[in-house]
Amino acid sequence: MNRPPTPGMEKNNMAHATRVLLPALLAALAIGGCAKQEAPKPPEKIVNITTAPVARKNLSIVESAVGAETAVGSALDYDPTRAAAEAVTVRLPFPEHVARNLKVGQSVSLSSFTGGRRAEGRIRGILPALDSTTLSREVIVAVTTPGWRPDGSVRGEVTMGLRQNALVVPEQAVVLRPGGAVVYVVEGERARERRVSTGILRDGELEIVAGVKANETVTVAVDGAALLSDGAKVSARAPKGGKSP
């Protein structure tokens, strides 16, 4: 004969059910939580870049100074008898360490700040007096380009030597980071950051004096380099007038 369940029996049954069902419920919740954490990651960002090879080039070592037409030349503007063919002279204050290596007769490239007109000249004299404030010496240059006169300030450039087979990259390929200058070497679809030391800047190209070996064949990011980090995924597009690697 079946006896009706007592309150004590019902309580024991509920406790047993709780012990059986609670672990299963917690396991299900854990699985659901892991499933949420393992959601698909967003696609990796790809940076579009242009590239250029590290090239070899002979670089002129150039020193420059900014000056003006000499006072004598300016004063002659008020002399109506001045000969039209008389040579124009400009004064250029070069740093003392540069001036002592210049020679009379050496060629000088001149450009006017106003209009950018260019001319050639030759050193006529190097004044011995040293400016104690700027530590410079005035170099007098006779203009050899007929009919050229400066409009205001003049920039003069002299070639001091030639650095042969220098390694160069486009100027924008070198990015300044907190740790120093870097380039991003393209290896397949990845950009690898490399610390470099730089030298002469000439006509938009910057010399690399350390960080790239002379016997390496290296391609670096140019446009878009500033957006990269080490290991970034890249897509090289063809630069203007060239082909992507």
Foldseek 3Di string as FASTA:
>chain_A
DDDDDDVVVVVVVVVVVCVVVVVVVVVVVVVVVVVVVPPDDDDADAFEFAKDKFFWDKDFDKDKFKWFWDPVQVVCVPPPPDDLFDWTKIKTWDAPVVLVLDDFQAKKWKFAPPPGDIFIWTFHDWDPDADPVRNTTITMTTTPDRPDHHDPMMMIMGTDDMDGGFTKDFPQQWDQDPVGIWGWWDDPQWTAIWHFDWDDDDPRIITTPDGDDSPDTTMTTGVRRNVDDGGGGYDHQADVPGGGD
